[in-house]
Structures are given as structure tokens and as C-alpha cells.
PDB file of all heavy atoms in Angstrom:
ATOM      1  N   ALA A   1       7.014  -9.610 -15.677  1.00  0.00           N
ATOM      2  CA  ALA A   1       6.923 -10.264 -16.991  1.00  0.00           C
ATOM      3  C   ALA A   1       8.225 -10.118 -17.764  1.00  0.00           C
ATOM      4  O   ALA A   1       8.682 -11.055 -18.430  1.00  0.00           O
ATOM      5  CB  ALA A   1       5.764  -9.652 -17.787  1.00  0.00           C
ATOM      6  N   THR A   2       8.850  -8.940 -17.681  1.00  0.00           N
ATOM      7  CA  THR A   2      10.079  -8.668 -18.430  1.00  0.00           C
ATOM      8  C   THR A   2      11.263  -9.469 -17.900  1.00  0.00           C
ATOM      9  O   THR A   2      12.032 -10.052 -18.658  1.00  0.00           O
ATOM     10  CB  THR A   2      10.419  -7.157 -18.375  1.00  0.00           C
ATOM     11  OG1 THR A   2       9.317  -6.425 -18.900  1.00  0.00           O
ATOM     12  CG2 THR A   2      11.673  -6.863 -19.190  1.00  0.00           C
ATOM     13  N   TYR A   3      11.389  -9.516 -16.578  1.00  0.00           N
ATOM     14  CA  TYR A   3      12.557 -10.148 -15.978  1.00  0.00           C
ATOM     15  C   TYR A   3      12.273 -11.531 -15.416  1.00  0.00           C
ATOM     16  O   TYR A   3      13.138 -12.167 -14.816  1.00  0.00           O
ATOM     17  CB  TYR A   3      13.132  -9.243 -14.883  1.00  0.00           C
ATOM     18  CG  TYR A   3      13.682  -7.960 -15.430  1.00  0.00           C
ATOM     19  CD1 TYR A   3      12.910  -6.804 -15.414  1.00  0.00           C
ATOM     20  CD2 TYR A   3      14.956  -7.910 -15.995  1.00  0.00           C
ATOM     21  CE1 TYR A   3      13.406  -5.618 -15.933  1.00  0.00           C
ATOM     22  CE2 TYR A   3      15.459  -6.732 -16.520  1.00  0.00           C
ATOM     23  CZ  TYR A   3      14.684  -5.586 -16.483  1.00  0.00           C
ATOM     24  OH  TYR A   3      15.174  -4.418 -17.002  1.00  0.00           O
ATOM     25  N   ASN A   4      11.032 -11.981 -15.606  1.00  0.00           N
ATOM     26  CA  ASN A   4      10.627 -13.333 -15.197  1.00  0.00           C
ATOM     27  C   ASN A   4      11.006 -13.618 -13.738  1.00  0.00           C
ATOM     28  O   ASN A   4      11.680 -14.590 -13.423  1.00  0.00           O
ATOM     29  CB  ASN A   4      11.273 -14.371 -16.117  1.00  0.00           C
ATOM     30  CG  ASN A   4      10.645 -15.752 -15.929  1.00  0.00           C
ATOM     31  OD1 ASN A   4       9.466 -15.855 -15.541  1.00  0.00           O
ATOM     32  ND2 ASN A   4      11.409 -16.800 -16.189  1.00  0.00           N
ATOM     33  N   ASN A   5      10.614 -12.700 -12.844  1.00  0.00           N
ATOM     34  CA  ASN A   5      10.888 -12.915 -11.414  1.00  0.00           C
ATOM     35  C   ASN A   5       9.638 -12.611 -10.604  1.00  0.00           C
ATOM     36  O   ASN A   5       8.657 -12.091 -11.114  1.00  0.00           O
ATOM     37  CB  ASN A   5      12.073 -12.057 -10.941  1.00  0.00           C
ATOM     38  CG  ASN A   5      11.752 -10.565 -11.012  1.00  0.00           C
ATOM     39  OD1 ASN A   5      10.683 -10.118 -10.654  1.00  0.00           O
ATOM     40  ND2 ASN A   5      12.732  -9.794 -11.499  1.00  0.00           N
ATOM     41  N   ASN A   6       9.688 -12.967  -9.370  1.00  0.00           N
ATOM     42  CA  ASN A   6       8.543 -12.753  -8.477  1.00  0.00           C
ATOM     43  C   ASN A   6       8.865 -11.775  -7.356  1.00  0.00           C
ATOM     44  O   ASN A   6       8.271 -11.828  -6.283  1.00  0.00           O
ATOM     45  CB  ASN A   6       8.096 -14.094  -7.875  1.00  0.00           C
ATOM     46  CG  ASN A   6       7.540 -15.032  -8.934  1.00  0.00           C
ATOM     47  OD1 ASN A   6       6.738 -14.610  -9.763  1.00  0.00           O
ATOM     48  ND2 ASN A   6       7.981 -16.277  -8.926  1.00  0.00           N
ATOM     49  N   GLU A   7       9.837 -10.907  -7.617  1.00  0.00           N
ATOM     50  CA  GLU A   7      10.185  -9.939  -6.587  1.00  0.00           C
ATOM     51  C   GLU A   7       9.034  -8.971  -6.345  1.00  0.00           C
ATOM     52  O   GLU A   7       8.395  -8.491  -7.281  1.00  0.00           O
ATOM     53  CB  GLU A   7      11.433  -9.147  -7.002  1.00  0.00           C
ATOM     54  CG  GLU A   7      12.710  -9.927  -6.824  1.00  0.00           C
ATOM     55  CD  GLU A   7      13.933  -9.039  -7.047  1.00  0.00           C
ATOM     56  OE1 GLU A   7      13.755  -7.888  -7.470  1.00  0.00           O
ATOM     57  OE2 GLU A   7      15.051  -9.503  -6.794  1.00  0.00           O
ATOM     58  N   LYS A   8       8.802  -8.705  -5.081  1.00  0.00           N
ATOM     59  CA  LYS A   8       7.734  -7.781  -4.728  1.00  0.00           C
ATOM     60  C   LYS A   8       8.282  -6.381  -4.471  1.00  0.00           C
ATOM     61  O   LYS A   8       9.477  -6.187  -4.260  1.00  0.00           O
ATOM     62  CB  LYS A   8       7.012  -8.287  -3.472  1.00  0.00           C
ATOM     63  CG  LYS A   8       6.173  -9.535  -3.705  1.00  0.00           C
ATOM     64  CD  LYS A   8       5.369  -9.878  -2.463  1.00  0.00           C
ATOM     65  CE  LYS A   8       4.426 -11.044  -2.740  1.00  0.00           C
ATOM     66  NZ  LYS A   8       3.582 -11.358  -1.552  1.00  0.00           N
ATOM     67  N   CYS A   9       7.358  -5.429  -4.472  1.00  0.00           N
ATOM     68  CA  CYS A   9       7.730  -4.048  -4.169  1.00  0.00           C
ATOM     69  C   CYS A   9       7.747  -3.824  -2.658  1.00  0.00           C
ATOM     70  O   CYS A   9       7.068  -4.518  -1.902  1.00  0.00           O
ATOM     71  CB  CYS A   9       6.710  -3.081  -4.773  1.00  0.00           C
ATOM     72  SG  CYS A   9       6.600  -3.131  -6.551  1.00  0.00           S
ATOM     73  N   TYR A  10       8.498  -2.823  -2.246  1.00  0.00           N
ATOM     74  CA  TYR A  10       8.490  -2.362  -0.861  1.00  0.00           C
ATOM     75  C   TYR A  10       8.129  -0.882  -0.913  1.00  0.00           C
ATOM     76  O   TYR A  10       8.953  -0.052  -1.313  1.00  0.00           O
ATOM     77  CB  TYR A  10       9.851  -2.592  -0.202  1.00  0.00           C
ATOM     78  CG  TYR A  10      10.202  -4.060  -0.143  1.00  0.00           C
ATOM     79  CD1 TYR A  10      10.881  -4.683  -1.197  1.00  0.00           C
ATOM     80  CD2 TYR A  10       9.814  -4.841   0.947  1.00  0.00           C
ATOM     81  CE1 TYR A  10      11.176  -6.038  -1.162  1.00  0.00           C
ATOM     82  CE2 TYR A  10      10.109  -6.200   0.992  1.00  0.00           C
ATOM     83  CZ  TYR A  10      10.786  -6.785  -0.068  1.00  0.00           C
ATOM     84  OH  TYR A  10      11.068  -8.139  -0.032  1.00  0.00           O
ATOM     85  N   VAL A  11       6.894  -0.593  -0.566  1.00  0.00           N
ATOM     86  CA  VAL A  11       6.341   0.744  -0.758  1.00  0.00           C
ATOM     87  C   VAL A  11       6.251   1.458   0.593  1.00  0.00           C
ATOM     88  O   VAL A  11       5.495   1.048   1.475  1.00  0.00           O
ATOM     89  CB  VAL A  11       4.944   0.692  -1.414  1.00  0.00           C
ATOM     90  CG1 VAL A  11       4.441   2.112  -1.713  1.00  0.00           C
ATOM     91  CG2 VAL A  11       4.964  -0.149  -2.683  1.00  0.00           C
ATOM     92  N   LEU A  12       7.026   2.539   0.736  1.00  0.00           N
ATOM     93  CA  LEU A  12       6.964   3.353   1.951  1.00  0.00           C
ATOM     94  C   LEU A  12       5.994   4.507   1.721  1.00  0.00           C
ATOM     95  O   LEU A  12       6.167   5.295   0.781  1.00  0.00           O
ATOM     96  CB  LEU A  12       8.348   3.900   2.308  1.00  0.00           C
ATOM     97  CG  LEU A  12       8.390   4.860   3.511  1.00  0.00           C
ATOM     98  CD1 LEU A  12       7.947   4.158   4.797  1.00  0.00           C
ATOM     99  CD2 LEU A  12       9.782   5.459   3.671  1.00  0.00           C
ATOM    100  N   VAL A  13       4.987   4.608   2.570  1.00  0.00           N
ATOM    101  CA  VAL A  13       4.028   5.713   2.523  1.00  0.00           C
ATOM    102  C   VAL A  13       4.226   6.524   3.792  1.00  0.00           C
ATOM    103  O   VAL A  13       4.021   6.025   4.902  1.00  0.00           O
ATOM    104  CB  VAL A  13       2.568   5.211   2.457  1.00  0.00           C
ATOM    105  CG1 VAL A  13       1.614   6.384   2.232  1.00  0.00           C
ATOM    106  CG2 VAL A  13       2.401   4.163   1.363  1.00  0.00           C
ATOM    107  N   THR A  14       4.643   7.769   3.634  1.00  0.00           N
ATOM    108  CA  THR A  14       4.930   8.568   4.831  1.00  0.00           C
ATOM    109  C   THR A  14       4.673  10.043   4.575  1.00  0.00           C
ATOM    110  O   THR A  14       4.377  10.467   3.462  1.00  0.00           O
ATOM    111  CB  THR A  14       6.386   8.334   5.305  1.00  0.00           C
ATOM    112  OG1 THR A  14       6.544   8.893   6.603  1.00  0.00           O
ATOM    113  CG2 THR A  14       7.393   8.947   4.340  1.00  0.00           C
ATOM    114  N   GLY A  15       4.823  10.818   5.655  1.00  0.00           N
ATOM    115  CA  GLY A  15       4.484  12.241   5.609  1.00  0.00           C
ATOM    116  C   GLY A  15       3.199  12.456   6.387  1.00  0.00           C
ATOM    117  O   GLY A  15       3.105  12.096   7.562  1.00  0.00           O
ATOM    118  N   SER A  16       2.215  12.995   5.716  1.00  0.00           N
ATOM    119  CA  SER A  16       0.946  13.331   6.369  1.00  0.00           C
ATOM    120  C   SER A  16       0.126  12.093   6.727  1.00  0.00           C
ATOM    121  O   SER A  16       0.017  11.157   5.938  1.00  0.00           O
ATOM    122  CB  SER A  16       0.117  14.217   5.437  1.00  0.00           C
ATOM    123  OG  SER A  16      -1.177  14.406   5.941  1.00  0.00           O
ATOM    124  N   LEU A  17      -0.475  12.109   7.913  1.00  0.00           N
ATOM    125  CA  LEU A  17      -1.418  11.046   8.274  1.00  0.00           C
ATOM    126  C   LEU A  17      -2.632  11.061   7.364  1.00  0.00           C
ATOM    127  O   LEU A  17      -3.277  10.040   7.150  1.00  0.00           O
ATOM    128  CB  LEU A  17      -1.870  11.211   9.732  1.00  0.00           C
ATOM    129  CG  LEU A  17      -1.152  10.369  10.782  1.00  0.00           C
ATOM    130  CD1 LEU A  17      -1.645  10.716  12.173  1.00  0.00           C
ATOM    131  CD2 LEU A  17      -1.314   8.882  10.526  1.00  0.00           C
ATOM    132  N   HIS A  18      -2.938  12.235   6.801  1.00  0.00           N
ATOM    133  CA  HIS A  18      -4.061  12.322   5.867  1.00  0.00           C
ATOM    134  C   HIS A  18      -3.737  11.564   4.566  1.00  0.00           C
ATOM    135  O   HIS A  18      -4.627  10.994   3.938  1.00  0.00           O
ATOM    136  CB  HIS A  18      -4.400  13.781   5.563  1.00  0.00           C
ATOM    137  CG  HIS A  18      -4.832  14.547   6.776  1.00  0.00           C
ATOM    138  ND1 HIS A  18      -6.065  14.359   7.361  1.00  0.00           N
ATOM    139  CD2 HIS A  18      -4.198  15.477   7.529  1.00  0.00           C
ATOM    140  CE1 HIS A  18      -6.177  15.158   8.418  1.00  0.00           C
ATOM    141  NE2 HIS A  18      -5.054  15.838   8.534  1.00  0.00           N
ATOM    142  N   LEU A  19      -2.460  11.561   4.169  1.00  0.00           N
ATOM    143  CA  LEU A  19      -2.034  10.747   3.023  1.00  0.00           C
ATOM    144  C   LEU A  19      -2.186   9.270   3.355  1.00  0.00           C
ATOM    145  O   LEU A  19      -2.683   8.485   2.536  1.00  0.00           O
ATOM    146  CB  LEU A  19      -0.582  11.057   2.654  1.00  0.00           C
ATOM    147  CG  LEU A  19       0.035  10.143   1.586  1.00  0.00           C
ATOM    148  CD1 LEU A  19      -0.662  10.323   0.247  1.00  0.00           C
ATOM    149  CD2 LEU A  19       1.534  10.391   1.460  1.00  0.00           C
ATOM    150  N   ILE A  20      -1.757   8.874   4.556  1.00  0.00           N
ATOM    151  CA  ILE A  20      -1.917   7.489   4.997  1.00  0.00           C
ATOM    152  C   ILE A  20      -3.385   7.089   4.920  1.00  0.00           C
ATOM    153  O   ILE A  20      -3.733   6.005   4.445  1.00  0.00           O
ATOM    154  CB  ILE A  20      -1.424   7.313   6.451  1.00  0.00           C
ATOM    155  CG1 ILE A  20       0.041   7.771   6.597  1.00  0.00           C
ATOM    156  CG2 ILE A  20      -1.600   5.873   6.906  1.00  0.00           C
ATOM    157  CD1 ILE A  20       1.060   6.930   5.915  1.00  0.00           C
ATOM    158  N   GLY A  21      -4.259   7.983   5.381  1.00  0.00           N
ATOM    159  CA  GLY A  21      -5.699   7.715   5.341  1.00  0.00           C
ATOM    160  C   GLY A  21      -6.211   7.527   3.922  1.00  0.00           C
ATOM    161  O   GLY A  21      -7.030   6.644   3.659  1.00  0.00           O
ATOM    162  N   ALA A  22      -5.707   8.350   3.000  1.00  0.00           N
ATOM    163  CA  ALA A  22      -6.129   8.232   1.599  1.00  0.00           C
ATOM    164  C   ALA A  22      -5.690   6.895   1.003  1.00  0.00           C
ATOM    165  O   ALA A  22      -6.443   6.255   0.250  1.00  0.00           O
ATOM    166  CB  ALA A  22      -5.552   9.394   0.790  1.00  0.00           C
ATOM    167  N   VAL A  23      -4.478   6.456   1.344  1.00  0.00           N
ATOM    168  CA  VAL A  23      -3.976   5.156   0.860  1.00  0.00           C
ATOM    169  C   VAL A  23      -4.816   4.023   1.439  1.00  0.00           C
ATOM    170  O   VAL A  23      -5.207   3.080   0.724  1.00  0.00           O
ATOM    171  CB  VAL A  23      -2.488   4.983   1.214  1.00  0.00           C
ATOM    172  CG1 VAL A  23      -2.023   3.555   0.924  1.00  0.00           C
ATOM    173  CG2 VAL A  23      -1.632   5.978   0.436  1.00  0.00           C
ATOM    174  N   LEU A  24      -5.129   4.099   2.733  1.00  0.00           N
ATOM    175  CA  LEU A  24      -5.935   3.050   3.364  1.00  0.00           C
ATOM    176  C   LEU A  24      -7.372   3.059   2.861  1.00  0.00           C
ATOM    177  O   LEU A  24      -8.031   2.015   2.857  1.00  0.00           O
ATOM    178  CB  LEU A  24      -5.903   3.214   4.890  1.00  0.00           C
ATOM    179  CG  LEU A  24      -4.580   2.835   5.552  1.00  0.00           C
ATOM    180  CD1 LEU A  24      -4.569   3.217   7.032  1.00  0.00           C
ATOM    181  CD2 LEU A  24      -4.300   1.335   5.397  1.00  0.00           C
ATOM    182  N   THR A  25      -7.866   4.197   2.435  1.00  0.00           N
ATOM    183  CA  THR A  25      -9.207   4.268   1.849  1.00  0.00           C
ATOM    184  C   THR A  25      -9.308   3.354   0.629  1.00  0.00           C
ATOM    185  O   THR A  25     -10.350   2.753   0.368  1.00  0.00           O
ATOM    186  CB  THR A  25      -9.556   5.720   1.458  1.00  0.00           C
ATOM    187  OG1 THR A  25      -9.571   6.524   2.639  1.00  0.00           O
ATOM    188  CG2 THR A  25     -10.914   5.808   0.781  1.00  0.00           C
ATOM    189  N   VAL A  26      -8.204   3.222  -0.094  1.00  0.00           N
ATOM    190  CA  VAL A  26      -8.155   2.342  -1.271  1.00  0.00           C
ATOM    191  C   VAL A  26      -7.784   0.916  -0.867  1.00  0.00           C
ATOM    192  O   VAL A  26      -8.422  -0.053  -1.291  1.00  0.00           O
ATOM    193  CB  VAL A  26      -7.153   2.875  -2.317  1.00  0.00           C
ATOM    194  CG1 VAL A  26      -7.115   1.943  -3.536  1.00  0.00           C
ATOM    195  CG2 VAL A  26      -7.520   4.291  -2.741  1.00  0.00           C
ATOM    196  N   LEU A  27      -6.750   0.769  -0.049  1.00  0.00           N
ATOM    197  CA  LEU A  27      -6.223  -0.565   0.266  1.00  0.00           C
ATOM    198  C   LEU A  27      -7.039  -1.311   1.313  1.00  0.00           C
ATOM    199  O   LEU A  27      -7.223  -2.527   1.221  1.00  0.00           O
ATOM    200  CB  LEU A  27      -4.772  -0.447   0.767  1.00  0.00           C
ATOM    201  CG  LEU A  27      -3.721   0.073  -0.207  1.00  0.00           C
ATOM    202  CD1 LEU A  27      -2.354   0.092   0.483  1.00  0.00           C
ATOM    203  CD2 LEU A  27      -3.665  -0.784  -1.466  1.00  0.00           C
ATOM    204  N   ASP A  28      -7.502  -0.592   2.327  1.00  0.00           N
ATOM    205  CA  ASP A  28      -8.157  -1.244   3.478  1.00  0.00           C
ATOM    206  C   ASP A  28      -9.172  -0.284   4.100  1.00  0.00           C
ATOM    207  O   ASP A  28      -8.993   0.197   5.215  1.00  0.00           O
ATOM    208  CB  ASP A  28      -7.083  -1.646   4.507  1.00  0.00           C
ATOM    209  CG  ASP A  28      -7.660  -2.381   5.709  1.00  0.00           C
ATOM    210  OD1 ASP A  28      -8.771  -2.947   5.589  1.00  0.00           O
ATOM    211  OD2 ASP A  28      -7.005  -2.384   6.774  1.00  0.00           O
ATOM    212  N   PRO A  29     -10.282  -0.014   3.388  1.00  0.00           N
ATOM    213  CA  PRO A  29     -11.235   1.012   3.833  1.00  0.00           C
ATOM    214  C   PRO A  29     -11.890   0.744   5.170  1.00  0.00           C
ATOM    215  O   PRO A  29     -12.345   1.677   5.830  1.00  0.00           O
ATOM    216  CB  PRO A  29     -12.273   1.042   2.697  1.00  0.00           C
ATOM    217  CG  PRO A  29     -12.127  -0.271   2.000  1.00  0.00           C
ATOM    218  CD  PRO A  29     -10.696  -0.631   2.120  1.00  0.00           C
ATOM    219  N   HIS A  30     -11.955  -0.526   5.585  1.00  0.00           N
ATOM    220  CA  HIS A  30     -12.569  -0.862   6.871  1.00  0.00           C
ATOM    221  C   HIS A  30     -11.540  -1.065   7.980  1.00  0.00           C
ATOM    222  O   HIS A  30     -11.872  -1.493   9.086  1.00  0.00           O
ATOM    223  CB  HIS A  30     -13.445  -2.106   6.723  1.00  0.00           C
ATOM    224  CG  HIS A  30     -14.537  -1.946   5.703  1.00  0.00           C
ATOM    225  ND1 HIS A  30     -15.563  -1.038   5.855  1.00  0.00           N
ATOM    226  CD2 HIS A  30     -14.739  -2.561   4.503  1.00  0.00           C
ATOM    227  CE1 HIS A  30     -16.371  -1.104   4.797  1.00  0.00           C
ATOM    228  NE2 HIS A  30     -15.879  -2.007   3.962  1.00  0.00           N
ATOM    229  N   LEU A  31     -10.271  -0.753   7.661  1.00  0.00           N
ATOM    230  CA  LEU A  31      -9.168  -0.835   8.631  1.00  0.00           C
ATOM    231  C   LEU A  31      -9.103  -2.198   9.308  1.00  0.00           C
ATOM    232  O   LEU A  31      -9.016  -2.318  10.529  1.00  0.00           O
ATOM    233  CB  LEU A  31      -9.289   0.281   9.670  1.00  0.00           C
ATOM    234  CG  LEU A  31      -9.296   1.722   9.112  1.00  0.00           C
ATOM    235  CD1 LEU A  31      -9.393   2.740  10.236  1.00  0.00           C
ATOM    236  CD2 LEU A  31      -8.056   1.984   8.254  1.00  0.00           C
ATOM    237  N   THR A  32      -9.120  -3.231   8.483  1.00  0.00           N
ATOM    238  CA  THR A  32      -9.032  -4.607   8.976  1.00  0.00           C
ATOM    239  C   THR A  32      -7.605  -5.052   9.194  1.00  0.00           C
ATOM    240  O   THR A  32      -7.356  -6.155   9.705  1.00  0.00           O
ATOM    241  CB  THR A  32      -9.691  -5.565   7.970  1.00  0.00           C
ATOM    242  OG1 THR A  32      -8.948  -5.511   6.729  1.00  0.00           O
ATOM    243  CG2 THR A  32     -11.153  -5.190   7.702  1.00  0.00           C
ATOM    244  N   MET A  33      -6.638  -4.241   8.781  1.00  0.00           N
ATOM    245  CA  MET A  33      -5.195  -4.546   8.803  1.00  0.00           C
ATOM    246  C   MET A  33      -4.828  -5.591   7.757  1.00  0.00           C
ATOM    247  O   MET A  33      -3.785  -6.232   7.832  1.00  0.00           O
ATOM    248  CB  MET A  33      -4.748  -5.014  10.195  1.00  0.00           C
ATOM    249  CG  MET A  33      -5.170  -4.098  11.338  1.00  0.00           C
ATOM    250  SD  MET A  33      -4.452  -2.437  11.286  1.00  0.00           S
ATOM    251  CE  MET A  33      -2.838  -2.697  12.033  1.00  0.00           C
ATOM    252  N   ASN A  34      -5.707  -5.754   6.753  1.00  0.00           N
ATOM    253  CA  ASN A  34      -5.453  -6.635   5.601  1.00  0.00           C
ATOM    254  C   ASN A  34      -5.920  -5.940   4.346  1.00  0.00           C
ATOM    255  O   ASN A  34      -6.717  -4.998   4.409  1.00  0.00           O
ATOM    256  CB  ASN A  34      -6.203  -7.979   5.764  1.00  0.00           C
ATOM    257  CG  ASN A  34      -5.653  -8.806   6.917  1.00  0.00           C
ATOM    258  OD1 ASN A  34      -4.554  -9.334   6.849  1.00  0.00           O
ATOM    259  ND2 ASN A  34      -6.429  -8.910   7.981  1.00  0.00           N
ATOM    260  N   THR A  35      -5.432  -6.398   3.199  1.00  0.00           N
ATOM    261  CA  THR A  35      -5.887  -5.822   1.947  1.00  0.00           C
ATOM    262  C   THR A  35      -6.000  -6.884   0.869  1.00  0.00           C
ATOM    263  O   THR A  35      -5.269  -7.893   0.878  1.00  0.00           O
ATOM    264  CB  THR A  35      -4.915  -4.720   1.462  1.00  0.00           C
ATOM    265  OG1 THR A  35      -5.413  -4.128   0.257  1.00  0.00           O
ATOM    266  CG2 THR A  35      -3.510  -5.249   1.200  1.00  0.00           C
TER     267      THR A  35
END
């Protein structure tokens, strides 16, 4: 809104696989490979 652009974020999630699981629990709980 501030810069009037459509640039997207590039979010790296790394470290523990348990962290990856927590992120997927929110983004893709059924592990469909989509969100």
C-alpha cells in the first residue's frame, strides 16, 4: 500500500523439521503442497 507495488515476499523457513511442521500446520495442514 505504501509503495504501490506488487512485490512478493521470499520467506525462508529452515532449521528444525519440527519448525517446518509447525509452519505447514498453518499453511498446509493436509500436506497438499498448496496453500
